[in-house]
Amino acid sequence: MLILLLACMLATHSLLAQGTVTITGKVQKGQEDDIFIASLPSLLFPEEQRTFAEINNGRFRLELPVGKPLTVELVYGNESAPLYLEPGFELQVTFTAGKMLKTLKYSGQGANENNYLTLHAYRFDEEEDYQTLPDNVKLSEIEFLQFLDYRKEDQLAIFEKKISAKPVSEYFRQLILAEIDYSYANDRLTFFNMRELMRLPVQLSPSTSYFDFLQELDMEQPANLEAISFPAFLRNYIKFIGEQAQLEAGDIHYYKKAYEQVSHTLQGQARVMAQAYLIRQSLQQGNVLHVPAMLQDFRQHIAVADVYATLLQQYESHPGLGIGSAAPGFSLQDINGQLVSLSDFKGKIVYLSFWRTDCGLCMVEQPHAQELARKLQPHDVVLINIGVDDNEQAWRNVVQSRGFGGVQLYLRGQGNDLARQYGLKDVPAYFLIDEDGTILSTKPRRPIDREAEKEILQHVMSNRASRR
């Protein structure tokens, strides 16, 4: 059964099976030249796949192979919305640029599913009553659980009402129920950690039964594992398992110990996903000591042989730059022609990004990077953006016309010596640098990731604790 489930997931990711989806649409008041569909992050397949379409006179057409139901992301400029696809869907879509999520309307085969998914995403992202931050995380444990129960009951009630009037496929119904369950589970799991990150004046301790809900989660059903919230939940659950085992993240043996813990705690597909995630994290953090042993164990999962091959290739091509090594220094000109050096920011945590103006994903993430910089500024964290365009004027035009603020530096081309020192193979690329100029992470979470702020603040808190 496990092999069948994993094989199905592989077919979903690679989009190689029979079946086609067509999406035609019209963008109102838009200025972008293209629109694309992007795969959502997965613990097995974190690499993003994209399918582009040109926009002519506000109209576009996308056609792609889809082997089984899956959720992707429709991306226009710096806006995005979740999109649910099944083989044979023929969707027509309209929206207004600048108000994408609020104005999205679907018709055709698959419209009921996607009109509901848009409503769900808009309500979850925009309505403060649904958010844990900034106010609901300040509640007591009992009050917070009441808030989560209210939100879950409201989501279920709205969903049942909508699908009674406009029916959806059974798989989509199961997917939304799983999404409701795992958004609840993730917020409940991280409640106390979020309070700590918020540095609230009163810290709480969980009641003895607070985490009992984890035993009731079904992580074996395919729809559950493909819920949008599941990867974030599983990452946090892996961390929780490590905390329960009293593992120290700074321990050089942390990833091997965490791998062993999830191998004993989790079952089936969730265990395989967690193991792959920990191997990849160990590589990304430059901690390769136990990677060969973990890869040898992971090799037994023949249904994900291509995942093993990818991890093995990443290990064999791992650059010398890793955790604890000195970040290569630089002195580059900013948008105003002033010379800026990495050493200027000693005493601050630096979130360093390399990007290009002709990189679609870079342009999607730059506004998120701007917002992340604003949120982290009070915490002695600085974001440095290094443009690696071949044409300096093209870089200047985009930075100035888009109003990108913060530290914007220019480096001519990805083939530059500095780019090679950072092992730069593609953009966007991100690095997290400690206050003393050493590497904290060679691949921190991207600005678009909701967990990025939390990850960086955890490093800030760790540094403060070490100075006490």
Protein backbone atom coordinates (compact mmCIF):
# COMPACT_ATOMS: atom_id res chain seq x y z
CA MET A 1 0.00 0.00 0.00
CA LEU A 2 2.81 2.44 0.87
CA ILE A 3 4.49 1.85 -2.49
CA LEU A 4 1.20 2.53 -4.30
CA LEU A 5 0.62 5.75 -2.37
CA LEU A 6 4.14 7.00 -3.03
CA ALA A 7 3.91 6.07 -6.69
CA CYS A 8 0.71 8.12 -6.96
CA MET A 9 2.44 11.11 -5.41
CA LEU A 10 5.33 10.80 -7.83
CA ALA A 11 2.89 10.80 -10.75
CA THR A 12 1.24 13.91 -9.36
CA HIS A 13 4.49 15.80 -9.03
CA SER A 14 5.99 14.95 -12.39
CA LEU A 15 2.73 15.55 -14.26
CA LEU A 16 3.60 12.75 -16.63
CA ALA A 17 0.41 10.68 -16.57
CA GLN A 18 -2.50 10.93 -19.02
CA GLY A 19 -4.85 13.90 -18.78
CA THR A 20 -4.95 17.56 -19.75
CA VAL A 21 -6.18 20.77 -18.16
CA THR A 22 -6.87 23.97 -20.09
CA ILE A 23 -7.25 27.39 -18.50
CA THR A 24 -8.28 30.44 -20.48
CA GLY A 25 -8.56 33.80 -18.83
CA LYS A 26 -8.77 37.56 -18.93
CA VAL A 27 -6.90 40.00 -16.70
CA GLN A 28 -8.50 43.38 -16.10
CA LYS A 29 -6.26 46.46 -15.74
CA GLY A 30 -3.07 44.39 -15.92
CA GLN A 31 0.45 45.37 -17.00
CA GLU A 32 2.29 42.02 -16.84
CA ASP A 33 3.39 40.17 -19.99
CA ASP A 34 2.88 36.66 -18.65
CA ILE A 35 1.17 34.49 -16.06
CA PHE A 36 2.27 31.10 -14.77
CA ILE A 37 1.26 28.06 -12.77
CA ALA A 38 3.72 26.98 -10.06
CA SER A 39 3.86 23.75 -8.11
CA LEU A 40 3.41 24.13 -4.37
CA PRO A 41 6.30 23.31 -2.01
CA SER A 42 6.55 19.65 -1.04
CA LEU A 43 8.82 17.93 1.45
CA LEU A 44 9.63 15.34 -1.23
CA PHE A 45 9.82 17.77 -4.14
CA PRO A 46 10.67 21.29 -2.95
CA GLU A 47 11.91 22.39 -6.37
CA GLU A 48 9.31 24.58 -8.03
CA GLN A 49 7.99 23.68 -11.48
CA ARG A 50 6.41 26.40 -13.60
CA THR A 51 4.23 26.57 -16.72
CA PHE A 52 4.09 29.99 -18.40
CA ALA A 53 1.63 31.63 -20.77
CA GLU A 54 1.93 34.97 -22.56
CA ILE A 55 -0.75 37.59 -22.01
CA ASN A 56 -2.02 39.33 -25.15
CA ASN A 57 -4.57 42.13 -24.81
CA GLY A 58 -5.30 40.89 -21.29
CA ARG A 59 -6.03 37.33 -22.42
CA PHE A 60 -4.10 34.12 -21.88
CA ARG A 61 -4.36 30.36 -22.35
CA LEU A 62 -2.61 27.67 -20.29
CA GLU A 63 -2.59 23.98 -21.15
CA LEU A 64 -0.76 21.35 -19.14
CA PRO A 65 -0.79 17.60 -18.50
CA VAL A 66 -2.34 16.54 -15.18
CA GLY A 67 -2.40 12.90 -14.14
CA LYS A 68 -4.47 13.14 -10.95
CA PRO A 69 -5.97 15.82 -8.67
CA LEU A 70 -3.47 18.36 -7.36
CA THR A 71 -3.27 21.90 -6.03
CA VAL A 72 -0.92 24.43 -7.60
CA GLU A 73 -0.54 28.21 -7.52
CA LEU A 74 -1.65 30.70 -10.17
CA VAL A 75 0.90 33.54 -10.18
CA TYR A 76 0.50 36.97 -11.80
CA GLY A 77 3.14 39.57 -11.04
CA ASN A 78 3.51 39.65 -7.26
CA GLU A 79 0.03 38.19 -6.70
CA SER A 80 -0.92 34.54 -6.38
CA ALA A 81 -3.86 32.29 -5.59
CA PRO A 82 -4.25 28.53 -5.04
CA LEU A 83 -5.64 26.59 -7.99
CA TYR A 84 -7.13 23.09 -7.88
CA LEU A 85 -6.82 20.86 -10.96
CA GLU A 86 -8.23 17.52 -12.05
CA PRO A 87 -7.67 15.76 -15.39
CA GLY A 88 -10.07 17.16 -17.96
CA PHE A 89 -10.80 20.47 -16.24
CA GLU A 90 -11.60 23.30 -18.70
CA LEU A 91 -11.58 26.51 -16.71
CA GLN A 92 -12.29 30.10 -17.64
CA VAL A 93 -10.99 32.70 -15.20
CA THR A 94 -11.20 36.47 -14.81
CA PHE A 95 -9.65 38.80 -12.24
CA THR A 96 -8.54 42.38 -11.74
CA ALA A 97 -4.81 43.07 -11.39
CA GLY A 98 -3.93 44.32 -7.92
CA LYS A 99 -7.00 42.58 -6.46
CA MET A 100 -6.42 39.06 -7.69
CA LEU A 101 -7.63 37.00 -4.74
CA LYS A 102 -10.60 39.27 -4.10
CA THR A 103 -11.86 39.35 -7.71
CA LEU A 104 -11.07 35.84 -9.03
CA LYS A 105 -14.06 34.25 -10.73
CA TYR A 106 -14.14 30.86 -12.41
CA SER A 107 -16.53 29.24 -14.86
CA GLY A 108 -16.48 25.95 -16.76
CA GLN A 109 -15.53 22.48 -15.56
CA GLY A 110 -13.82 22.81 -12.17
CA ALA A 111 -15.43 26.18 -11.38
CA ASN A 112 -17.23 25.05 -8.22
CA GLU A 113 -14.03 23.70 -6.69
CA ASN A 114 -11.95 26.76 -7.53
CA ASN A 115 -14.51 29.39 -6.60
CA TYR A 116 -14.72 27.78 -3.18
CA LEU A 117 -10.93 27.45 -2.87
CA THR A 118 -10.56 31.16 -3.68
CA LEU A 119 -13.16 32.04 -1.03
CA HIS A 120 -11.39 29.82 1.50
CA ALA A 121 -7.99 31.37 0.79
CA TYR A 122 -9.31 34.93 0.84
CA ARG A 123 -11.17 34.42 4.09
CA PHE A 124 -8.22 32.71 5.75
CA ASP A 125 -5.66 35.27 4.56
CA GLU A 126 -7.63 38.50 4.87
CA GLU A 127 -10.00 38.23 7.82
CA GLU A 128 -8.36 39.06 11.15
CA ASP A 129 -10.83 36.88 13.04
CA TYR A 130 -9.21 33.87 11.32
CA GLN A 131 -5.59 34.79 12.05
CA THR A 132 -3.44 33.62 14.96
CA LEU A 133 -1.26 36.74 14.62
CA PRO A 134 -1.10 39.32 15.95
CA ASP A 135 -3.91 39.16 18.52
CA ASN A 136 -5.21 35.62 19.01
CA VAL A 137 -1.78 34.27 19.98
CA LYS A 138 -1.99 36.51 23.05
CA LEU A 139 -4.94 34.51 24.41
CA SER A 140 -4.75 31.96 27.19
CA GLU A 141 -4.61 28.28 26.25
CA ILE A 142 -8.34 27.78 26.83
CA GLU A 143 -9.27 30.94 24.92
CA PHE A 144 -6.95 30.03 22.04
CA LEU A 145 -8.51 26.57 21.72
CA GLN A 146 -11.94 28.20 21.72
CA PHE A 147 -10.79 30.46 18.88
CA LEU A 148 -9.46 27.49 16.88
CA ASP A 149 -12.68 25.52 17.47
CA TYR A 150 -14.78 28.52 16.38
CA ARG A 151 -12.70 28.96 13.22
CA LYS A 152 -12.85 25.27 12.34
CA GLU A 153 -16.61 25.05 12.89
CA ASP A 154 -17.12 28.20 10.82
CA GLN A 155 -14.98 26.84 7.98
CA LEU A 156 -16.85 23.52 8.00
CA ALA A 157 -20.24 25.22 8.06
CA ILE A 158 -19.39 27.54 5.17
CA PHE A 159 -17.95 24.66 3.16
CA GLU A 160 -20.98 22.41 3.62
CA LYS A 161 -23.32 25.27 2.72
CA LYS A 162 -21.39 26.12 -0.44
CA ILE A 163 -21.05 22.56 -1.75
CA SER A 164 -24.71 21.76 -1.05
CA ALA A 165 -25.58 24.48 -3.56
CA LYS A 166 -22.66 23.88 -5.92
CA PRO A 167 -21.37 20.29 -5.67
CA VAL A 168 -17.67 19.46 -5.88
CA SER A 169 -15.73 16.25 -6.52
CA GLU A 170 -15.27 13.84 -3.64
CA TYR A 171 -11.49 14.19 -3.77
CA PHE A 172 -11.76 17.97 -3.47
CA ARG A 173 -14.14 17.59 -0.55
CA GLN A 174 -11.63 15.37 1.23
CA LEU A 175 -8.82 17.80 0.38
CA ILE A 176 -10.63 20.79 1.92
CA LEU A 177 -11.54 18.81 5.03
CA ALA A 178 -7.86 17.88 5.34
CA GLU A 179 -6.85 21.51 4.82
CA ILE A 180 -9.17 22.60 7.64
CA ASP A 181 -7.78 19.86 9.89
CA TYR A 182 -4.12 20.64 9.23
CA SER A 183 -4.40 24.42 9.42
CA TYR A 184 -5.99 23.81 12.83
CA ALA A 185 -3.30 21.29 13.78
CA ASN A 186 -0.42 23.53 12.70
CA ASP A 187 -1.69 26.57 14.60
CA ARG A 188 -2.36 24.49 17.71
CA LEU A 189 1.05 22.81 17.50
CA THR A 190 2.95 26.11 17.21
CA PHE A 191 0.91 28.20 19.70
CA PHE A 192 3.45 28.20 22.54
CA ASN A 193 6.43 28.70 20.24
CA MET A 194 4.71 31.68 18.62
CA ARG A 195 4.05 33.22 22.01
CA GLU A 196 7.74 32.85 22.79
CA LEU A 197 8.75 34.43 19.48
CA MET A 198 6.38 37.33 20.16
CA ARG A 199 8.21 37.84 23.48
CA LEU A 200 4.93 38.21 25.34
CA PRO A 201 5.28 39.36 28.96
CA VAL A 202 3.51 36.25 30.28
CA GLN A 203 4.72 32.86 29.03
CA LEU A 204 2.46 29.82 29.35
CA SER A 205 3.08 26.11 29.70
CA PRO A 206 0.85 23.59 27.90
CA SER A 207 -1.62 21.55 29.90
CA THR A 208 -0.94 17.81 30.14
CA SER A 209 -3.51 16.96 27.45
CA TYR A 210 -2.78 19.86 25.08
CA PHE A 211 -0.88 17.83 22.48
CA ASP A 212 -3.14 14.75 22.61
CA PHE A 213 -4.76 15.86 19.34
CA LEU A 214 -1.63 14.75 17.48
CA GLN A 215 -2.51 11.12 18.14
CA GLU A 216 -5.85 11.58 16.36
CA LEU A 217 -4.42 12.85 13.06
CA ASP A 218 -4.61 10.53 10.07
CA MET A 219 -1.42 11.01 8.06
CA GLU A 220 -2.00 8.05 5.76
CA GLN A 221 -4.78 9.30 3.48
CA PRO A 222 -3.44 10.82 0.21
CA ALA A 223 -5.76 13.84 0.40
CA ASN A 224 -4.48 14.63 3.89
CA LEU A 225 -0.86 14.54 2.78
CA GLU A 226 -1.58 16.86 -0.16
CA ALA A 227 -3.37 19.56 1.86
CA ILE A 228 -1.74 22.97 1.39
CA SER A 229 -1.06 23.26 5.13
CA PHE A 230 0.43 19.77 5.50
CA PRO A 231 4.09 20.58 4.61
CA ALA A 232 4.20 23.42 7.17
CA PHE A 233 2.54 21.19 9.76
CA LEU A 234 4.94 18.30 9.16
CA ARG A 235 7.98 20.59 9.39
CA ASN A 236 6.75 21.87 12.73
CA TYR A 237 5.83 18.36 13.87
CA ILE A 238 9.38 17.17 13.08
CA LYS A 239 10.69 20.01 15.22
CA PHE A 240 8.24 19.08 17.98
CA ILE A 241 9.39 15.44 17.89
CA GLY A 242 12.97 16.66 18.31
CA GLU A 243 12.01 18.91 21.21
CA GLN A 244 10.21 16.06 22.95
CA ALA A 245 13.40 14.02 22.58
CA GLN A 246 15.35 16.99 24.00
CA LEU A 247 17.49 17.34 20.89
CA GLU A 248 19.57 20.50 20.53
CA ALA A 249 19.42 22.16 17.10
CA GLY A 250 23.02 23.33 17.50
CA ASP A 251 24.28 19.78 18.04
CA ILE A 252 26.37 18.61 15.08
CA HIS A 253 24.54 15.26 15.33
CA TYR A 254 21.09 16.89 15.42
CA TYR A 255 19.90 15.80 11.97
CA LYS A 256 20.95 12.18 12.43
CA LYS A 257 19.19 12.05 15.82
CA ALA A 258 16.09 13.76 14.44
CA TYR A 259 16.08 11.31 11.50
CA GLU A 260 16.10 8.39 13.92
CA GLN A 261 13.31 9.95 16.01
CA VAL A 262 10.93 10.52 13.08
CA SER A 263 11.73 7.04 11.77
CA HIS A 264 10.40 5.60 15.05
CA THR A 265 7.53 8.05 15.54
CA LEU A 266 5.98 8.37 12.06
CA GLN A 267 4.64 5.75 9.73
CA GLY A 268 4.18 5.25 6.00
CA GLN A 269 4.32 8.15 3.59
CA ALA A 270 4.62 10.83 6.29
CA ARG A 271 7.77 9.11 7.59
CA VAL A 272 9.31 9.06 4.11
CA MET A 273 8.51 12.74 3.63
CA ALA A 274 10.03 13.61 7.02
CA GLN A 275 13.18 11.61 6.31
CA ALA A 276 13.69 13.28 2.93
CA TYR A 277 13.14 16.68 4.52
CA LEU A 278 15.77 16.06 7.21
CA ILE A 279 18.37 14.84 4.70
CA ARG A 280 17.75 17.91 2.55
CA GLN A 281 17.88 20.22 5.56
CA SER A 282 21.16 18.67 6.69
CA LEU A 283 22.62 19.35 3.24
CA GLN A 284 21.22 22.86 3.10
CA GLN A 285 22.64 23.68 6.50
CA GLY A 286 26.05 22.38 5.45
CA ASN A 287 25.92 19.60 8.03
CA VAL A 288 26.97 16.60 5.95
CA LEU A 289 28.56 14.44 8.66
CA HIS A 290 25.76 11.87 8.81
CA VAL A 291 24.25 12.34 5.33
CA PRO A 292 25.82 9.16 3.87
CA ALA A 293 24.27 7.01 6.63
CA MET A 294 20.87 8.70 6.26
CA LEU A 295 20.99 8.26 2.47
CA GLN A 296 21.85 4.58 2.87
CA ASP A 297 18.77 4.11 5.05
CA PHE A 298 16.54 6.20 2.77
CA ARG A 299 17.60 4.13 -0.24
CA GLN A 300 15.29 1.32 0.90
CA HIS A 301 12.22 3.31 -0.24
CA ILE A 302 12.20 2.08 -3.82
CA ALA A 303 8.97 3.96 -4.64
CA VAL A 304 10.86 7.26 -4.32
CA ALA A 305 14.05 6.20 -6.08
CA ASP A 306 14.17 9.50 -7.99
CA VAL A 307 14.00 11.43 -4.70
CA TYR A 308 16.94 9.37 -3.43
CA ALA A 309 18.84 10.04 -6.67
CA THR A 310 18.24 13.79 -6.33
CA LEU A 311 19.40 13.82 -2.70
CA LEU A 312 22.48 11.78 -3.59
CA GLN A 313 23.34 14.18 -6.41
CA GLN A 314 22.94 17.15 -4.05
CA TYR A 315 25.27 15.49 -1.56
CA GLU A 316 27.92 14.67 -4.17
CA SER A 317 27.87 18.23 -5.53
CA HIS A 318 27.73 19.94 -2.13
CA PRO A 319 29.89 23.11 -2.10
CA GLY A 320 32.45 23.87 0.60
CA LEU A 321 30.39 26.76 2.01
CA GLY A 322 28.54 25.49 5.09
CA ILE A 323 27.34 26.26 8.58
CA GLY A 324 29.98 27.97 10.67
CA SER A 325 32.21 28.92 7.75
CA ALA A 326 33.00 32.58 7.14
CA ALA A 327 30.64 34.26 4.70
CA PRO A 328 32.63 35.58 1.71
CA GLY A 329 33.02 39.33 2.16
CA PHE A 330 32.15 41.95 -0.44
CA SER A 331 32.12 45.68 -1.13
CA LEU A 332 29.57 46.65 -3.77
CA GLN A 333 27.87 49.84 -4.92
CA ASP A 334 24.27 50.47 -3.91
CA ILE A 335 21.57 52.14 -6.00
CA ASN A 336 22.96 55.55 -5.04
CA GLY A 337 26.55 54.71 -5.98
CA GLN A 338 27.70 54.34 -2.36
CA LEU A 339 30.10 51.51 -1.48
CA VAL A 340 28.52 49.02 0.95
CA SER A 341 30.40 46.14 2.60
CA LEU A 342 29.16 43.03 4.37
CA SER A 343 31.37 44.01 7.31
CA ASP A 344 29.27 47.19 7.72
CA PHE A 345 26.56 44.99 9.24
CA LYS A 346 28.64 43.18 11.84
CA GLY A 347 26.48 42.74 14.94
CA LYS A 348 23.34 42.16 12.86
CA ILE A 349 21.89 39.03 11.32
CA VAL A 350 21.98 39.38 7.53
CA TYR A 351 19.43 37.79 5.19
CA LEU A 352 21.31 37.88 1.87
CA SER A 353 19.60 37.40 -1.48
CA PHE A 354 20.90 37.16 -5.04
CA TRP A 355 18.39 37.97 -7.80
CA ARG A 356 17.93 39.13 -11.40
CA THR A 357 15.32 41.37 -12.97
CA ASP A 358 14.66 38.81 -15.75
CA CYS A 359 13.90 36.05 -13.23
CA GLY A 360 10.12 35.65 -12.82
CA LEU A 361 10.32 34.04 -9.39
CA CYS A 362 12.73 36.75 -8.20
CA MET A 363 10.24 39.44 -9.19
CA VAL A 364 7.44 37.57 -7.40
CA GLU A 365 9.51 37.32 -4.22
CA GLN A 366 10.99 40.84 -4.10
CA PRO A 367 7.80 42.46 -2.67
CA HIS A 368 7.69 39.70 -0.04
CA ALA A 369 11.34 40.42 0.76
CA GLN A 370 10.47 44.11 1.22
CA GLU A 371 7.69 43.22 3.67
CA LEU A 372 9.96 40.75 5.50
CA ALA A 373 12.61 43.46 5.87
CA ARG A 374 10.05 45.82 7.37
CA LYS A 375 8.92 43.23 9.92
CA LEU A 376 12.46 42.26 10.93
CA GLN A 377 13.97 45.75 11.15
CA PRO A 378 13.22 46.14 14.90
CA HIS A 379 15.08 42.88 15.59
CA ASP A 380 18.54 43.88 14.27
CA VAL A 381 18.05 41.90 11.08
CA VAL A 382 18.99 43.43 7.72
CA LEU A 383 18.10 42.18 4.25
CA ILE A 384 20.76 42.71 1.59
CA ASN A 385 19.65 42.24 -2.01
CA ILE A 386 22.36 41.76 -4.63
CA GLY A 387 21.23 42.11 -8.24
CA VAL A 388 23.31 40.00 -10.63
CA ASP A 389 21.98 41.31 -13.95
CA ASP A 390 24.43 41.51 -16.84
CA ASN A 391 22.98 44.95 -17.60
CA GLU A 392 23.37 47.37 -14.68
CA GLN A 393 20.92 49.88 -16.14
CA ALA A 394 18.20 47.22 -16.35
CA TRP A 395 18.73 46.52 -12.64
CA ARG A 396 18.60 50.24 -11.78
CA ASN A 397 15.42 50.77 -13.80
CA VAL A 398 13.58 47.96 -12.02
CA VAL A 399 14.75 48.89 -8.50
CA GLN A 400 13.77 52.54 -9.02
CA SER A 401 10.50 52.00 -10.91
CA ARG A 402 9.26 49.34 -8.48
CA GLY A 403 10.34 51.39 -5.47
CA PHE A 404 12.39 48.58 -3.93
CA GLY A 405 13.85 49.90 -0.70
CA GLY A 406 16.41 48.62 1.76
CA VAL A 407 19.94 47.59 0.85
CA GLN A 408 20.04 47.10 -2.94
CA LEU A 409 23.52 46.29 -4.33
CA TYR A 410 24.77 45.44 -7.81
CA LEU A 411 27.12 42.66 -8.96
CA ARG A 412 27.70 42.22 -12.69
CA GLY A 413 26.62 38.73 -13.75
CA GLN A 414 26.26 35.34 -12.09
CA GLY A 415 29.73 34.33 -13.29
CA ASN A 416 31.42 36.83 -10.98
CA ASP A 417 34.02 35.54 -8.49
CA LEU A 418 31.80 36.47 -5.54
CA ALA A 419 28.90 34.47 -7.00
CA ARG A 420 31.20 31.48 -7.36
CA GLN A 421 32.38 31.85 -3.76
CA TYR A 422 28.75 31.57 -2.65
CA GLY A 423 28.23 28.55 -4.90
CA LEU A 424 25.58 30.46 -6.84
CA LYS A 425 24.05 28.24 -9.51
CA ASP A 426 20.66 29.86 -9.97
CA VAL A 427 18.55 32.70 -8.65
CA PRO A 428 16.84 33.53 -6.45
CA ALA A 429 19.33 32.29 -3.85
CA TYR A 430 19.33 33.12 -0.14
CA PHE A 431 21.83 32.93 2.72
CA LEU A 432 21.49 33.67 6.42
CA ILE A 433 24.60 35.18 8.02
CA ASP A 434 25.19 35.43 11.76
CA GLU A 435 26.18 38.55 13.67
CA ASP A 436 29.85 37.50 13.60
CA GLY A 437 29.88 37.02 9.81
CA THR A 438 29.61 33.22 9.76
CA ILE A 439 27.05 31.24 7.78
CA LEU A 440 23.89 30.27 9.66
CA SER A 441 22.15 28.73 6.66
CA THR A 442 22.99 28.33 2.98
CA LYS A 443 19.32 27.94 2.09
CA PRO A 444 17.00 29.63 4.57
CA ARG A 445 13.29 29.86 3.88
CA ARG A 446 12.36 32.09 0.97
CA PRO A 447 10.65 35.46 1.68
CA ILE A 448 7.37 34.14 0.26
CA ASP A 449 7.34 31.32 2.84
CA ARG A 450 5.09 32.13 5.80
CA GLU A 451 7.62 30.45 8.09
CA ALA A 452 10.57 32.67 7.02
CA GLU A 453 10.02 35.34 9.66
CA LYS A 454 9.68 32.72 12.38
CA GLU A 455 12.88 30.94 11.33
CA ILE A 456 14.94 34.14 11.37
CA LEU A 457 13.51 35.25 14.72
CA GLN A 458 14.49 31.88 16.17
CA HIS A 459 18.13 32.67 15.30
CA VAL A 460 17.75 36.12 16.87
CA MET A 461 16.41 34.61 20.08
CA SER A 462 19.14 31.97 20.13
CA ASN A 463 21.82 34.65 19.84
CA ARG A 464 20.27 36.71 22.62
CA ALA A 465 20.06 33.68 24.87
CA SER A 466 23.73 32.82 24.26
CA ARG A 467 24.77 36.34 25.32
CA ARG A 468 23.00 36.11 28.68
